[in-house]
């Protein structure tokens, strides 16, 4: 599978990490099935869904998980620097890498 993406912001390196438990927590936070969201919007997720996915899954490399509020601020910065489509594809691709079981049979 592809290599994990490194996110460079504020001279620090970050990555997104997803697993089954994280996705369950994210689904509770958005009040919807992630697979349903991906299908409904043809993998172009609503901004609020992207923010939750990003904010709940951001880790600073060699430092650990980032607090949700701080990760949300970094999400804004990344959207402004790289654009919505870039961030959307980054999130979806990282889910595919970390949780290939999520897309089996699709």
PDB file of N, CA and C in Angstrom:
ATOM      1  N   UNK A   1       0.847  -1.181   0.000  1.00  0.00           N
ATOM      2  CA  UNK A   1       0.000   0.000   0.000  1.00  0.00           C
ATOM      3  C   UNK A   1       0.890   1.241   0.000  1.00  0.00           C
ATOM      4  N   UNK A   2       0.314   2.369  -0.216  1.00  0.00           N
ATOM      5  CA  UNK A   2       1.042   3.629  -0.303  1.00  0.00           C
ATOM      6  C   UNK A   2       1.677   4.007   1.026  1.00  0.00           C
ATOM      7  N   UNK A   3       2.659   4.894   0.937  1.00  0.00           N
ATOM      8  CA  UNK A   3       3.288   5.419   2.141  1.00  0.00           C
ATOM      9  C   UNK A   3       2.366   6.423   2.813  1.00  0.00           C
ATOM     10  N   UNK A   4       2.507   6.542   4.118  1.00  0.00           N
ATOM     11  CA  UNK A   4       1.741   7.524   4.869  1.00  0.00           C
ATOM     12  C   UNK A   4       2.187   8.927   4.470  1.00  0.00           C
ATOM     13  N   UNK A   5       1.239   9.837   4.407  1.00  0.00           N
ATOM     14  CA  UNK A   5       1.539  11.230   4.074  1.00  0.00           C
ATOM     15  C   UNK A   5       2.055  11.950   5.317  1.00  0.00           C
ATOM     16  N   UNK A   6       3.038  12.794   5.116  1.00  0.00           N
ATOM     17  CA  UNK A   6       3.553  13.657   6.168  1.00  0.00           C
ATOM     18  C   UNK A   6       2.982  15.050   5.922  1.00  0.00           C
ATOM     19  N   UNK A   7       2.395  15.627   6.950  1.00  0.00           N
ATOM     20  CA  UNK A   7       1.799  16.956   6.873  1.00  0.00           C
ATOM     21  C   UNK A   7       2.754  17.923   7.561  1.00  0.00           C
ATOM     22  N   UNK A   8       3.241  18.902   6.825  1.00  0.00           N
ATOM     23  CA  UNK A   8       4.160  19.893   7.374  1.00  0.00           C
ATOM     24  C   UNK A   8       3.409  21.195   7.642  1.00  0.00           C
ATOM     25  N   UNK A   9       3.316  21.561   8.915  1.00  0.00           N
ATOM     26  CA  UNK A   9       2.652  22.799   9.322  1.00  0.00           C
ATOM     27  C   UNK A   9       3.434  23.422  10.471  1.00  0.00           C
ATOM     28  N   UNK A  10       3.625  24.724  10.411  1.00  0.00           N
ATOM     29  CA  UNK A  10       4.304  25.444  11.499  1.00  0.00           C
ATOM     30  C   UNK A  10       5.649  24.814  11.847  1.00  0.00           C
ATOM     31  N   UNK A  11       6.359  24.375  10.825  1.00  0.00           N
ATOM     32  CA  UNK A  11       7.684  23.768  10.979  1.00  0.00           C
ATOM     33  C   UNK A  11       7.667  22.491  11.825  1.00  0.00           C
ATOM     34  N   UNK A  12       6.520  21.836  11.879  1.00  0.00           N
ATOM     35  CA  UNK A  12       6.390  20.551  12.567  1.00  0.00           C
ATOM     36  C   UNK A  12       5.810  19.539  11.596  1.00  0.00           C
ATOM     37  N   UNK A  13       6.046  18.268  11.887  1.00  0.00           N
ATOM     38  CA  UNK A  13       5.565  17.187  11.028  1.00  0.00           C
ATOM     39  C   UNK A  13       4.439  16.433  11.737  1.00  0.00           C
ATOM     40  N   UNK A  14       3.372  16.207  10.974  1.00  0.00           N
ATOM     41  CA  UNK A  14       2.194  15.533  11.504  1.00  0.00           C
ATOM     42  C   UNK A  14       1.794  14.393  10.577  1.00  0.00           C
ATOM     43  N   UNK A  15       0.964  13.498  11.106  1.00  0.00           N
ATOM     44  CA  UNK A  15       0.358  12.459  10.285  1.00  0.00           C
ATOM     45  C   UNK A  15      -1.026  12.152  10.845  1.00  0.00           C
ATOM     46  N   UNK A  16      -1.858  11.583   9.996  1.00  0.00           N
ATOM     47  CA  UNK A  16      -3.175  11.125  10.416  1.00  0.00           C
ATOM     48  C   UNK A  16      -3.093   9.637  10.698  1.00  0.00           C
ATOM     49  N   UNK A  17      -3.733   9.199  11.777  1.00  0.00           N
ATOM     50  CA  UNK A  17      -3.759   7.781  12.131  1.00  0.00           C
ATOM     51  C   UNK A  17      -5.203   7.368  12.389  1.00  0.00           C
ATOM     52  N   UNK A  18      -5.626   6.331  11.684  1.00  0.00           N
ATOM     53  CA  UNK A  18      -6.983   5.818  11.829  1.00  0.00           C
ATOM     54  C   UNK A  18      -6.936   4.339  12.199  1.00  0.00           C
ATOM     55  N   UNK A  19      -7.915   3.906  12.980  1.00  0.00           N
ATOM     56  CA  UNK A  19      -8.127   2.488  13.250  1.00  0.00           C
ATOM     57  C   UNK A  19      -9.623   2.293  13.489  1.00  0.00           C
ATOM     58  N   UNK A  20     -10.034   1.063  13.682  1.00  0.00           N
ATOM     59  CA  UNK A  20     -11.457   0.763  13.817  1.00  0.00           C
ATOM     60  C   UNK A  20     -12.093   1.531  14.975  1.00  0.00           C
ATOM     61  N   UNK A  21     -11.441   1.538  16.119  1.00  0.00           N
ATOM     62  CA  UNK A  21     -11.991   2.246  17.280  1.00  0.00           C
ATOM     63  C   UNK A  21     -12.090   3.744  17.008  1.00  0.00           C
ATOM     64  N   UNK A  22     -11.070   4.314  16.387  1.00  0.00           N
ATOM     65  CA  UNK A  22     -11.110   5.743  16.056  1.00  0.00           C
ATOM     66  C   UNK A  22     -12.266   6.050  15.114  1.00  0.00           C
ATOM     67  N   UNK A  23     -12.476   5.190  14.112  1.00  0.00           N
ATOM     68  CA  UNK A  23     -13.573   5.415  13.170  1.00  0.00           C
ATOM     69  C   UNK A  23     -14.930   5.295  13.858  1.00  0.00           C
ATOM     70  N   UNK A  24     -15.054   4.375  14.810  1.00  0.00           N
ATOM     71  CA  UNK A  24     -16.307   4.266  15.573  1.00  0.00           C
ATOM     72  C   UNK A  24     -16.567   5.555  16.357  1.00  0.00           C
ATOM     73  N   UNK A  25     -15.531   6.085  16.994  1.00  0.00           N
ATOM     74  CA  UNK A  25     -15.670   7.336  17.750  1.00  0.00           C
ATOM     75  C   UNK A  25     -16.019   8.499  16.829  1.00  0.00           C
ATOM     76  N   UNK A  26     -15.416   8.527  15.663  1.00  0.00           N
ATOM     77  CA  UNK A  26     -15.696   9.581  14.687  1.00  0.00           C
ATOM     78  C   UNK A  26     -17.141   9.483  14.204  1.00  0.00           C
ATOM     79  N   UNK A  27     -17.612   8.269  13.949  1.00  0.00           N
ATOM     80  CA  UNK A  27     -19.008   8.096  13.526  1.00  0.00           C
ATOM     81  C   UNK A  27     -19.973   8.587  14.606  1.00  0.00           C
ATOM     82  N   UNK A  28     -19.644   8.333  15.867  1.00  0.00           N
ATOM     83  CA  UNK A  28     -20.476   8.857  16.959  1.00  0.00           C
ATOM     84  C   UNK A  28     -20.463  10.386  16.945  1.00  0.00           C
ATOM     85  N   UNK A  29     -19.295  10.970  16.709  1.00  0.00           N
ATOM     86  CA  UNK A  29     -19.166  12.433  16.714  1.00  0.00           C
ATOM     87  C   UNK A  29     -19.928  13.086  15.560  1.00  0.00           C
ATOM     88  N   UNK A  30     -19.928  12.459  14.388  1.00  0.00           N
ATOM     89  CA  UNK A  30     -20.625  13.055  13.239  1.00  0.00           C
ATOM     90  C   UNK A  30     -22.079  12.608  13.154  1.00  0.00           C
ATOM     91  N   UNK A  31     -22.438  11.601  13.947  1.00  0.00           N
ATOM     92  CA  UNK A  31     -23.816  11.123  13.963  1.00  0.00           C
ATOM     93  C   UNK A  31     -24.226  10.419  12.691  1.00  0.00           C
ATOM     94  N   UNK A  32     -23.249   9.811  12.028  1.00  0.00           N
ATOM     95  CA  UNK A  32     -23.526   9.160  10.746  1.00  0.00           C
ATOM     96  C   UNK A  32     -22.463   8.111  10.469  1.00  0.00           C
ATOM     97  N   UNK A  33     -22.795   7.199   9.593  1.00  0.00           N
ATOM     98  CA  UNK A  33     -21.845   6.193   9.131  1.00  0.00           C
ATOM     99  C   UNK A  33     -20.841   6.839   8.178  1.00  0.00           C
ATOM    100  N   UNK A  34     -19.568   6.598   8.405  1.00  0.00           N
ATOM    101  CA  UNK A  34     -18.554   7.157   7.508  1.00  0.00           C
ATOM    102  C   UNK A  34     -18.695   6.580   6.108  1.00  0.00           C
ATOM    103  N   UNK A  35     -18.970   5.291   6.008  1.00  0.00           N
ATOM    104  CA  UNK A  35     -19.166   4.685   4.688  1.00  0.00           C
ATOM    105  C   UNK A  35     -20.364   5.329   3.995  1.00  0.00           C
ATOM    106  N   UNK A  36     -21.401   5.609   4.764  1.00  0.00           N
ATOM    107  CA  UNK A  36     -22.562   6.299   4.209  1.00  0.00           C
ATOM    108  C   UNK A  36     -22.209   7.685   3.703  1.00  0.00           C
ATOM    109  N   UNK A  37     -21.398   8.404   4.469  1.00  0.00           N
ATOM    110  CA  UNK A  37     -20.955   9.740   4.053  1.00  0.00           C
ATOM    111  C   UNK A  37     -20.113   9.661   2.782  1.00  0.00           C
ATOM    112  N   UNK A  38     -19.188   8.708   2.747  1.00  0.00           N
ATOM    113  CA  UNK A  38     -18.339   8.556   1.559  1.00  0.00           C
ATOM    114  C   UNK A  38     -19.179   8.231   0.327  1.00  0.00           C
ATOM    115  N   UNK A  39     -20.167   7.357   0.497  1.00  0.00           N
ATOM    116  CA  UNK A  39     -21.031   6.973  -0.626  1.00  0.00           C
ATOM    117  C   UNK A  39     -21.935   8.125  -1.050  1.00  0.00           C
ATOM    118  N   UNK A  40     -22.545   8.752  -0.079  1.00  0.00           N
ATOM    119  CA  UNK A  40     -23.500   9.834  -0.348  1.00  0.00           C
ATOM    120  C   UNK A  40     -22.858  10.990  -1.104  1.00  0.00           C
ATOM    121  N   UNK A  41     -21.631  11.313  -0.747  1.00  0.00           N
ATOM    122  CA  UNK A  41     -20.954  12.473  -1.327  1.00  0.00           C
ATOM    123  C   UNK A  41     -19.848  12.092  -2.311  1.00  0.00           C
ATOM    124  N   UNK A  42     -19.863  10.842  -2.785  1.00  0.00           N
ATOM    125  CA  UNK A  42     -18.848  10.375  -3.743  1.00  0.00           C
ATOM    126  C   UNK A  42     -17.427  10.694  -3.278  1.00  0.00           C
ATOM    127  N   UNK A  43     -17.171  10.445  -1.999  1.00  0.00           N
ATOM    128  CA  UNK A  43     -15.862  10.627  -1.360  1.00  0.00           C
ATOM    129  C   UNK A  43     -15.430  12.088  -1.268  1.00  0.00           C
ATOM    130  N   UNK A  44     -16.301  13.038  -1.579  1.00  0.00           N
ATOM    131  CA  UNK A  44     -16.022  14.461  -1.377  1.00  0.00           C
ATOM    132  C   UNK A  44     -16.822  14.888  -0.147  1.00  0.00           C
ATOM    133  N   UNK A  45     -16.205  14.723   0.999  1.00  0.00           N
ATOM    134  CA  UNK A  45     -16.899  14.845   2.280  1.00  0.00           C
ATOM    135  C   UNK A  45     -17.244  16.285   2.646  1.00  0.00           C
ATOM    136  N   UNK A  46     -18.337  16.464   3.400  1.00  0.00           N
ATOM    137  CA  UNK A  46     -18.675  17.797   3.898  1.00  0.00           C
ATOM    138  C   UNK A  46     -17.556  18.327   4.798  1.00  0.00           C
ATOM    139  N   UNK A  47     -17.414  19.616   4.838  1.00  0.00           N
ATOM    140  CA  UNK A  47     -16.362  20.261   5.613  1.00  0.00           C
ATOM    141  C   UNK A  47     -16.407  19.855   7.088  1.00  0.00           C
ATOM    142  N   UNK A  48     -17.587  19.781   7.662  1.00  0.00           N
ATOM    143  CA  UNK A  48     -17.687  19.409   9.075  1.00  0.00           C
ATOM    144  C   UNK A  48     -17.211  17.976   9.316  1.00  0.00           C
ATOM    145  N   UNK A  49     -17.532  17.078   8.403  1.00  0.00           N
ATOM    146  CA  UNK A  49     -17.074  15.687   8.520  1.00  0.00           C
ATOM    147  C   UNK A  49     -15.559  15.622   8.397  1.00  0.00           C
ATOM    148  N   UNK A  50     -15.008  16.354   7.445  1.00  0.00           N
ATOM    149  CA  UNK A  50     -13.549  16.388   7.282  1.00  0.00           C
ATOM    150  C   UNK A  50     -12.867  16.915   8.535  1.00  0.00           C
ATOM    151  N   UNK A  51     -13.424  17.973   9.105  1.00  0.00           N
ATOM    152  CA  UNK A  51     -12.825  18.560  10.307  1.00  0.00           C
ATOM    153  C   UNK A  51     -12.792  17.529  11.442  1.00  0.00           C
ATOM    154  N   UNK A  52     -13.887  16.812  11.630  1.00  0.00           N
ATOM    155  CA  UNK A  52     -13.940  15.802  12.695  1.00  0.00           C
ATOM    156  C   UNK A  52     -12.926  14.692  12.426  1.00  0.00           C
ATOM    157  N   UNK A  53     -12.883  14.192  11.199  1.00  0.00           N
ATOM    158  CA  UNK A  53     -11.923  13.135  10.850  1.00  0.00           C
ATOM    159  C   UNK A  53     -10.494  13.594  11.111  1.00  0.00           C
ATOM    160  N   UNK A  54     -10.155  14.774  10.647  1.00  0.00           N
ATOM    161  CA  UNK A  54      -8.806  15.316  10.793  1.00  0.00           C
ATOM    162  C   UNK A  54      -8.481  15.562  12.271  1.00  0.00           C
ATOM    163  N   UNK A  55      -9.381  16.245  12.948  1.00  0.00           N
ATOM    164  CA  UNK A  55      -9.122  16.665  14.328  1.00  0.00           C
ATOM    165  C   UNK A  55      -9.020  15.504  15.309  1.00  0.00           C
ATOM    166  N   UNK A  56      -9.732  14.424  15.041  1.00  0.00           N
ATOM    167  CA  UNK A  56      -9.693  13.260  15.927  1.00  0.00           C
ATOM    168  C   UNK A  56      -8.544  12.302  15.601  1.00  0.00           C
ATOM    169  N   UNK A  57      -7.808  12.578  14.542  1.00  0.00           N
ATOM    170  CA  UNK A  57      -6.816  11.602  14.065  1.00  0.00           C
ATOM    171  C   UNK A  57      -5.427  12.176  13.845  1.00  0.00           C
ATOM    172  N   UNK A  58      -5.197  13.423  14.242  1.00  0.00           N
ATOM    173  CA  UNK A  58      -3.912  14.074  13.973  1.00  0.00           C
ATOM    174  C   UNK A  58      -2.900  13.794  15.085  1.00  0.00           C
ATOM    175  N   UNK A  59      -1.723  13.374  14.661  1.00  0.00           N
ATOM    176  CA  UNK A  59      -0.601  13.106  15.565  1.00  0.00           C
ATOM    177  C   UNK A  59       0.612  13.879  15.088  1.00  0.00           C
ATOM    178  N   UNK A  60       1.337  14.466  16.031  1.00  0.00           N
ATOM    179  CA  UNK A  60       2.630  15.051  15.681  1.00  0.00           C
ATOM    180  C   UNK A  60       3.640  13.920  15.716  1.00  0.00           C
ATOM    181  N   UNK A  61       4.430  13.810  14.668  1.00  0.00           N
ATOM    182  CA  UNK A  61       5.422  12.742  14.590  1.00  0.00           C
ATOM    183  C   UNK A  61       6.412  12.901  15.738  1.00  0.00           C
ATOM    184  N   UNK A  62       6.658  11.839  16.435  1.00  0.00           N
ATOM    185  CA  UNK A  62       7.564  11.769  17.584  1.00  0.00           C
ATOM    186  C   UNK A  62       7.077  12.550  18.803  1.00  0.00           C
ATOM    187  N   UNK A  63       5.808  12.967  18.814  1.00  0.00           N
ATOM    188  CA  UNK A  63       5.310  13.702  19.982  1.00  0.00           C
ATOM    189  C   UNK A  63       3.941  13.214  20.448  1.00  0.00           C
ATOM    190  N   UNK A  64       3.182  12.577  19.576  1.00  0.00           N
ATOM    191  CA  UNK A  64       1.903  12.021  20.002  1.00  0.00           C
ATOM    192  C   UNK A  64       0.683  12.752  19.491  1.00  0.00           C
ATOM    193  N   UNK A  65      -0.467  12.329  20.029  1.00  0.00           N
ATOM    194  CA  UNK A  65      -1.761  12.836  19.578  1.00  0.00           C
ATOM    195  C   UNK A  65      -1.904  14.317  19.888  1.00  0.00           C
ATOM    196  N   UNK A  66      -2.501  15.030  18.948  1.00  0.00           N
ATOM    197  CA  UNK A  66      -2.754  16.460  19.100  1.00  0.00           C
ATOM    198  C   UNK A  66      -4.162  16.650  19.665  1.00  0.00           C
ATOM    199  N   UNK A  67      -4.308  17.567  20.591  1.00  0.00           N
ATOM    200  CA  UNK A  67      -5.622  17.876  21.158  1.00  0.00           C
ATOM    201  C   UNK A  67      -6.578  18.295  20.040  1.00  0.00           C
ATOM    202  N   UNK A  68      -7.840  17.923  20.186  1.00  0.00           N
ATOM    203  CA  UNK A  68      -8.830  18.156  19.131  1.00  0.00           C
ATOM    204  C   UNK A  68      -8.926  19.634  18.756  1.00  0.00           C
ATOM    205  N   UNK A  69      -8.960  20.523  19.723  1.00  0.00           N
ATOM    206  CA  UNK A  69      -9.074  21.963  19.422  1.00  0.00           C
ATOM    207  C   UNK A  69      -7.862  22.461  18.633  1.00  0.00           C
ATOM    208  N   UNK A  70      -6.669  22.059  19.044  1.00  0.00           N
ATOM    209  CA  UNK A  70      -5.456  22.454  18.321  1.00  0.00           C
ATOM    210  C   UNK A  70      -5.450  21.843  16.921  1.00  0.00           C
ATOM    211  N   UNK A  71      -5.864  20.587  16.814  1.00  0.00           N
ATOM    212  CA  UNK A  71      -5.920  19.930  15.506  1.00  0.00           C
ATOM    213  C   UNK A  71      -6.922  20.631  14.591  1.00  0.00           C
ATOM    214  N   UNK A  72      -8.017  21.112  15.152  1.00  0.00           N
ATOM    215  CA  UNK A  72      -9.012  21.848  14.371  1.00  0.00           C
ATOM    216  C   UNK A  72      -8.415  23.145  13.822  1.00  0.00           C
ATOM    217  N   UNK A  73      -7.607  23.825  14.628  1.00  0.00           N
ATOM    218  CA  UNK A  73      -6.919  25.036  14.156  1.00  0.00           C
ATOM    219  C   UNK A  73      -5.940  24.699  13.031  1.00  0.00           C
ATOM    220  N   UNK A  74      -5.230  23.583  13.169  1.00  0.00           N
ATOM    221  CA  UNK A  74      -4.295  23.157  12.125  1.00  0.00           C
ATOM    222  C   UNK A  74      -5.044  22.751  10.853  1.00  0.00           C
ATOM    223  N   UNK A  75      -6.239  22.196  11.013  1.00  0.00           N
ATOM    224  CA  UNK A  75      -7.094  21.873   9.872  1.00  0.00           C
ATOM    225  C   UNK A  75      -7.395  23.142   9.077  1.00  0.00           C
ATOM    226  N   UNK A  76      -7.773  24.216   9.774  1.00  0.00           N
ATOM    227  CA  UNK A  76      -8.048  25.497   9.103  1.00  0.00           C
ATOM    228  C   UNK A  76      -6.826  25.977   8.330  1.00  0.00           C
ATOM    229  N   UNK A  77      -5.679  25.890   8.959  1.00  0.00           N
ATOM    230  CA  UNK A  77      -4.439  26.335   8.316  1.00  0.00           C
ATOM    231  C   UNK A  77      -4.148  25.505   7.064  1.00  0.00           C
ATOM    232  N   UNK A  78      -4.308  24.196   7.162  1.00  0.00           N
ATOM    233  CA  UNK A  78      -4.034  23.324   6.021  1.00  0.00           C
ATOM    234  C   UNK A  78      -5.019  23.581   4.881  1.00  0.00           C
ATOM    235  N   UNK A  79      -6.292  23.780   5.202  1.00  0.00           N
ATOM    236  CA  UNK A  79      -7.298  24.104   4.176  1.00  0.00           C
ATOM    237  C   UNK A  79      -6.902  25.394   3.455  1.00  0.00           C
ATOM    238  N   UNK A  80      -6.491  26.398   4.213  1.00  0.00           N
ATOM    239  CA  UNK A  80      -6.108  27.681   3.614  1.00  0.00           C
ATOM    240  C   UNK A  80      -4.845  27.582   2.774  1.00  0.00           C
ATOM    241  N   UNK A  81      -3.911  26.722   3.180  1.00  0.00           N
ATOM    242  CA  UNK A  81      -2.652  26.573   2.442  1.00  0.00           C
ATOM    243  C   UNK A  81      -2.777  25.658   1.230  1.00  0.00           C
ATOM    244  N   UNK A  82      -3.500  24.553   1.375  1.00  0.00           N
ATOM    245  CA  UNK A  82      -3.510  23.513   0.335  1.00  0.00           C
ATOM    246  C   UNK A  82      -4.839  23.381  -0.399  1.00  0.00           C
ATOM    247  N   UNK A  83      -5.917  23.830   0.206  1.00  0.00           N
ATOM    248  CA  UNK A  83      -7.224  23.739  -0.424  1.00  0.00           C
ATOM    249  C   UNK A  83      -8.039  22.559   0.073  1.00  0.00           C
ATOM    250  N   UNK A  84      -9.341  22.689  -0.098  1.00  0.00           N
ATOM    251  CA  UNK A  84     -10.287  21.700   0.396  1.00  0.00           C
ATOM    252  C   UNK A  84     -10.124  20.340  -0.276  1.00  0.00           C
ATOM    253  N   UNK A  85      -9.959  20.323  -1.586  1.00  0.00           N
ATOM    254  CA  UNK A  85      -9.847  19.041  -2.297  1.00  0.00           C
ATOM    255  C   UNK A  85      -8.602  18.288  -1.847  1.00  0.00           C
ATOM    256  N   UNK A  86      -7.485  18.990  -1.686  1.00  0.00           N
ATOM    257  CA  UNK A  86      -6.255  18.349  -1.209  1.00  0.00           C
ATOM    258  C   UNK A  86      -6.489  17.680   0.147  1.00  0.00           C
ATOM    259  N   UNK A  87      -7.097  18.419   1.078  1.00  0.00           N
ATOM    260  CA  UNK A  87      -7.311  17.884   2.422  1.00  0.00           C
ATOM    261  C   UNK A  87      -8.292  16.718   2.382  1.00  0.00           C
ATOM    262  N   UNK A  88      -9.331  16.833   1.579  1.00  0.00           N
ATOM    263  CA  UNK A  88     -10.291  15.740   1.439  1.00  0.00           C
ATOM    264  C   UNK A  88      -9.587  14.473   0.963  1.00  0.00           C
ATOM    265  N   UNK A  89      -8.802  14.583  -0.085  1.00  0.00           N
ATOM    266  CA  UNK A  89      -8.121  13.407  -0.628  1.00  0.00           C
ATOM    267  C   UNK A  89      -7.082  12.863   0.353  1.00  0.00           C
ATOM    268  N   UNK A  90      -6.417  13.738   1.073  1.00  0.00           N
ATOM    269  CA  UNK A  90      -5.462  13.321   2.097  1.00  0.00           C
ATOM    270  C   UNK A  90      -6.157  12.449   3.144  1.00  0.00           C
ATOM    271  N   UNK A  91      -7.271  12.919   3.663  1.00  0.00           N
ATOM    272  CA  UNK A  91      -8.003  12.187   4.697  1.00  0.00           C
ATOM    273  C   UNK A  91      -8.492  10.841   4.166  1.00  0.00           C
ATOM    274  N   UNK A  92      -9.133  10.845   3.004  1.00  0.00           N
ATOM    275  CA  UNK A  92      -9.661   9.597   2.437  1.00  0.00           C
ATOM    276  C   UNK A  92      -8.531   8.608   2.163  1.00  0.00           C
ATOM    277  N   UNK A  93      -7.428   9.086   1.601  1.00  0.00           N
ATOM    278  CA  UNK A  93      -6.297   8.190   1.313  1.00  0.00           C
ATOM    279  C   UNK A  93      -5.688   7.612   2.584  1.00  0.00           C
ATOM    280  N   UNK A  94      -5.597   8.410   3.634  1.00  0.00           N
ATOM    281  CA  UNK A  94      -5.036   7.903   4.887  1.00  0.00           C
ATOM    282  C   UNK A  94      -5.959   6.858   5.514  1.00  0.00           C
ATOM    283  N   UNK A  95      -7.254   7.033   5.385  1.00  0.00           N
ATOM    284  CA  UNK A  95      -8.185   6.001   5.870  1.00  0.00           C
ATOM    285  C   UNK A  95      -7.976   4.716   5.076  1.00  0.00           C
ATOM    286  N   UNK A  96      -7.808   4.833   3.764  1.00  0.00           N
ATOM    287  CA  UNK A  96      -7.570   3.646   2.925  1.00  0.00           C
ATOM    288  C   UNK A  96      -6.295   2.916   3.335  1.00  0.00           C
ATOM    289  N   UNK A  97      -5.252   3.665   3.675  1.00  0.00           N
ATOM    290  CA  UNK A  97      -3.976   3.060   4.067  1.00  0.00           C
ATOM    291  C   UNK A  97      -4.098   2.375   5.434  1.00  0.00           C
ATOM    292  N   UNK A  98      -4.660   3.089   6.405  1.00  0.00           N
ATOM    293  CA  UNK A  98      -4.722   2.569   7.776  1.00  0.00           C
ATOM    294  C   UNK A  98      -5.804   1.515   7.978  1.00  0.00           C
ATOM    295  N   UNK A  99      -6.871   1.604   7.215  1.00  0.00           N
ATOM    296  CA  UNK A  99      -8.034   0.725   7.418  1.00  0.00           C
ATOM    297  C   UNK A  99      -8.501   0.125   6.096  1.00  0.00           C
ATOM    298  N   UNK A 100      -7.663  -0.678   5.447  1.00  0.00           N
ATOM    299  CA  UNK A 100      -8.056  -1.229   4.149  1.00  0.00           C
ATOM    300  C   UNK A 100      -9.324  -2.082   4.230  1.00  0.00           C
ATOM    301  N   UNK A 101      -9.590  -2.667   5.409  1.00  0.00           N
ATOM    302  CA  UNK A 101     -10.799  -3.468   5.604  1.00  0.00           C
ATOM    303  C   UNK A 101     -12.057  -2.641   5.361  1.00  0.00           C
ATOM    304  N   UNK A 102     -11.945  -1.339   5.542  1.00  0.00           N
ATOM    305  CA  UNK A 102     -13.082  -0.446   5.399  1.00  0.00           C
ATOM    306  C   UNK A 102     -13.571  -0.379   3.949  1.00  0.00           C
ATOM    307  N   UNK A 103     -12.675  -0.659   3.009  1.00  0.00           N
ATOM    308  CA  UNK A 103     -13.002  -0.523   1.592  1.00  0.00           C
ATOM    309  C   UNK A 103     -13.031  -1.856   0.854  1.00  0.00           C
ATOM    310  N   UNK A 104     -12.916  -2.969   1.565  1.00  0.00           N
ATOM    311  CA  UNK A 104     -12.959  -4.273   0.907  1.00  0.00           C
ATOM    312  C   UNK A 104     -14.326  -4.493   0.286  1.00  0.00           C
ATOM    313  N   UNK A 105     -14.322  -4.979  -0.926  1.00  0.00           N
ATOM    314  CA  UNK A 105     -15.562  -5.256  -1.628  1.00  0.00           C
ATOM    315  C   UNK A 105     -16.175  -4.049  -2.300  1.00  0.00           C
ATOM    316  N   UNK A 106     -15.476  -2.919  -2.248  1.00  0.00           N
ATOM    317  CA  UNK A 106     -15.991  -1.694  -2.878  1.00  0.00           C
ATOM    318  C   UNK A 106     -15.424  -1.573  -4.268  1.00  0.00           C
TER     319      UNK A 106
END
